[in-house]
């Protein structure tokens, strides 16, 4: 029993993300994203400025990220092509979609689908500096 408690404590400390939060674990949860990039620092800076994603360095020296609420982590991949043709589309939740769209443009991204095309849902699509197309979602 004591060993289980120590294991839980150690595992929790190891699994904490950049913002010192422990993510929610559960079967079926989306937890990890690999985003293609032409430049890791460029992408890390873009996603941090727009969405508050925290950059972290792994033990092997590679760069990873944690989303703005500490629930999803991931990494950037320079060995993959950008996701430009739509198939699966990942949407990032935002507080203010219009302000977020302005930040995207100001930081080298492009809006590829305006708000209103999925009404009544509040969504838009953007292209990051590498060319990946992702969605924005705002709660009504």
Protein backbone atom coordinates (compact mmCIF):
# COMPACT_ATOMS: atom_id res chain seq x y z
CA UNK A 1 0.00 0.00 0.00
CA UNK A 2 2.76 2.43 0.91
CA UNK A 3 4.52 1.55 -2.36
CA UNK A 4 1.36 2.40 -4.34
CA UNK A 5 1.15 5.80 -2.66
CA UNK A 6 4.79 6.57 -3.46
CA UNK A 7 4.31 5.39 -7.07
CA UNK A 8 1.27 7.66 -7.43
CA UNK A 9 3.14 10.63 -5.96
CA UNK A 10 6.21 10.11 -8.16
CA UNK A 11 4.12 9.49 -11.29
CA UNK A 12 2.07 12.61 -10.63
CA UNK A 13 5.20 14.73 -10.26
CA UNK A 14 6.73 13.30 -13.45
CA UNK A 15 3.52 13.72 -15.46
CA UNK A 16 2.92 17.36 -14.52
CA UNK A 17 2.91 19.57 -17.56
CA UNK A 18 4.65 22.91 -18.04
CA UNK A 19 2.03 24.81 -16.03
CA UNK A 20 2.41 22.39 -13.10
CA UNK A 21 -1.07 20.96 -13.64
CA UNK A 22 -1.76 17.27 -13.82
CA UNK A 23 -3.93 16.54 -16.87
CA UNK A 24 -7.17 14.62 -16.67
CA UNK A 25 -6.59 11.00 -17.65
CA UNK A 26 -9.26 8.84 -19.23
CA UNK A 27 -9.95 6.34 -21.94
CA UNK A 28 -10.73 8.07 -25.22
CA UNK A 29 -9.31 11.48 -24.26
CA UNK A 30 -7.33 13.29 -26.95
CA UNK A 31 -4.02 13.88 -25.23
CA UNK A 32 -1.15 14.32 -27.71
CA UNK A 33 -0.71 16.15 -31.01
CA UNK A 34 2.20 16.13 -33.45
CA UNK A 35 2.14 19.25 -35.63
CA UNK A 36 4.32 19.54 -38.73
CA UNK A 37 6.56 22.60 -38.79
CA UNK A 38 9.18 24.17 -40.98
CA UNK A 39 10.80 25.78 -37.91
CA UNK A 40 10.25 24.63 -34.32
CA UNK A 41 11.02 28.00 -32.70
CA UNK A 42 8.73 29.82 -35.13
CA UNK A 43 5.85 27.45 -34.34
CA UNK A 44 6.51 27.48 -30.59
CA UNK A 45 6.44 31.28 -30.58
CA UNK A 46 3.30 31.46 -32.77
CA UNK A 47 1.25 29.05 -30.63
CA UNK A 48 2.47 30.61 -27.38
CA UNK A 49 1.51 34.14 -28.50
CA UNK A 50 -1.89 33.12 -29.86
CA UNK A 51 -3.07 30.40 -27.49
CA UNK A 52 -0.75 30.50 -24.48
CA UNK A 53 0.79 27.11 -25.22
CA UNK A 54 3.83 26.54 -23.02
CA UNK A 55 7.06 25.34 -24.60
CA UNK A 56 9.17 22.86 -22.69
CA UNK A 57 12.38 20.97 -23.34
CA UNK A 58 12.31 17.21 -22.87
CA UNK A 59 15.11 15.21 -21.33
CA UNK A 60 16.41 14.33 -24.81
CA UNK A 61 16.56 18.03 -25.76
CA UNK A 62 13.53 17.98 -28.09
CA UNK A 63 10.92 20.73 -27.82
CA UNK A 64 7.39 19.89 -26.72
CA UNK A 65 4.33 21.94 -25.82
CA UNK A 66 1.45 21.90 -23.39
CA UNK A 67 -1.83 23.58 -24.28
CA UNK A 68 -3.13 26.62 -22.43
CA UNK A 69 -5.12 24.60 -19.89
CA UNK A 70 -2.65 21.79 -19.27
CA UNK A 71 -4.76 19.03 -20.79
CA UNK A 72 -3.09 18.30 -24.14
CA UNK A 73 0.60 18.05 -24.97
CA UNK A 74 2.47 17.52 -28.16
CA UNK A 75 5.48 18.27 -30.28
CA UNK A 76 6.45 19.79 -33.60
CA UNK A 77 7.78 17.60 -36.40
CA UNK A 78 10.14 18.94 -39.06
CA UNK A 79 10.03 15.61 -40.90
CA UNK A 80 6.36 15.94 -41.94
CA UNK A 81 4.48 18.04 -44.46
CA UNK A 82 1.92 20.60 -43.25
CA UNK A 83 -1.70 19.50 -43.02
CA UNK A 84 -3.17 21.61 -45.84
CA UNK A 85 -5.85 19.29 -47.22
CA UNK A 86 -8.76 18.85 -44.89
CA UNK A 87 -9.56 15.49 -43.49
CA UNK A 88 -9.61 15.52 -39.72
CA UNK A 89 -9.78 19.10 -38.48
CA UNK A 90 -8.68 19.96 -34.96
CA UNK A 91 -10.33 23.03 -33.41
CA UNK A 92 -8.72 25.06 -30.64
CA UNK A 93 -11.08 26.60 -28.10
CA UNK A 94 -10.74 30.36 -27.64
CA UNK A 95 -12.38 32.99 -25.43
CA UNK A 96 -12.74 35.61 -28.19
CA UNK A 97 -12.62 34.32 -31.77
CA UNK A 98 -12.38 37.78 -33.39
CA UNK A 99 -9.45 38.86 -31.19
CA UNK A 100 -7.76 35.49 -31.79
CA UNK A 101 -8.14 35.87 -35.55
CA UNK A 102 -6.47 39.29 -35.37
CA UNK A 103 -3.57 37.81 -33.36
CA UNK A 104 -3.18 35.02 -35.91
CA UNK A 105 -2.84 37.49 -38.78
CA UNK A 106 -0.53 39.78 -36.77
CA UNK A 107 1.78 36.82 -36.09
CA UNK A 108 2.12 35.44 -39.60
CA UNK A 109 -0.93 33.21 -39.91
CA UNK A 110 -3.87 33.52 -42.30
CA UNK A 111 -7.62 33.16 -41.87
CA UNK A 112 -8.90 30.67 -44.45
CA UNK A 113 -12.55 30.45 -43.36
CA UNK A 114 -14.37 33.28 -41.63
CA UNK A 115 -16.73 33.09 -38.68
CA UNK A 116 -20.32 32.32 -39.63
CA UNK A 117 -19.94 29.54 -42.16
CA UNK A 118 -20.79 26.90 -39.53
CA UNK A 119 -23.59 28.85 -37.84
CA UNK A 120 -24.89 28.52 -35.26
CA UNK A 121 -21.46 27.24 -34.17
CA UNK A 122 -18.85 29.97 -33.71
CA UNK A 123 -15.89 28.64 -35.69
CA UNK A 124 -13.23 29.78 -38.13
CA UNK A 125 -10.25 28.12 -39.82
CA UNK A 126 -6.71 29.41 -39.94
CA UNK A 127 -3.38 28.51 -41.51
CA UNK A 128 -0.32 28.75 -39.27
CA UNK A 129 3.03 30.04 -40.61
CA UNK A 130 4.02 26.50 -41.69
CA UNK A 131 0.77 26.00 -43.62
CA UNK A 132 -1.17 23.71 -41.25
CA UNK A 133 -4.92 24.36 -41.32
CA UNK A 134 -6.65 24.22 -37.93
CA UNK A 135 -9.95 25.46 -36.57
CA UNK A 136 -10.98 27.91 -33.88
CA UNK A 137 -14.02 27.34 -31.70
CA UNK A 138 -15.72 29.78 -29.32
CA UNK A 139 -18.45 28.74 -26.91
CA UNK A 140 -21.71 30.57 -27.72
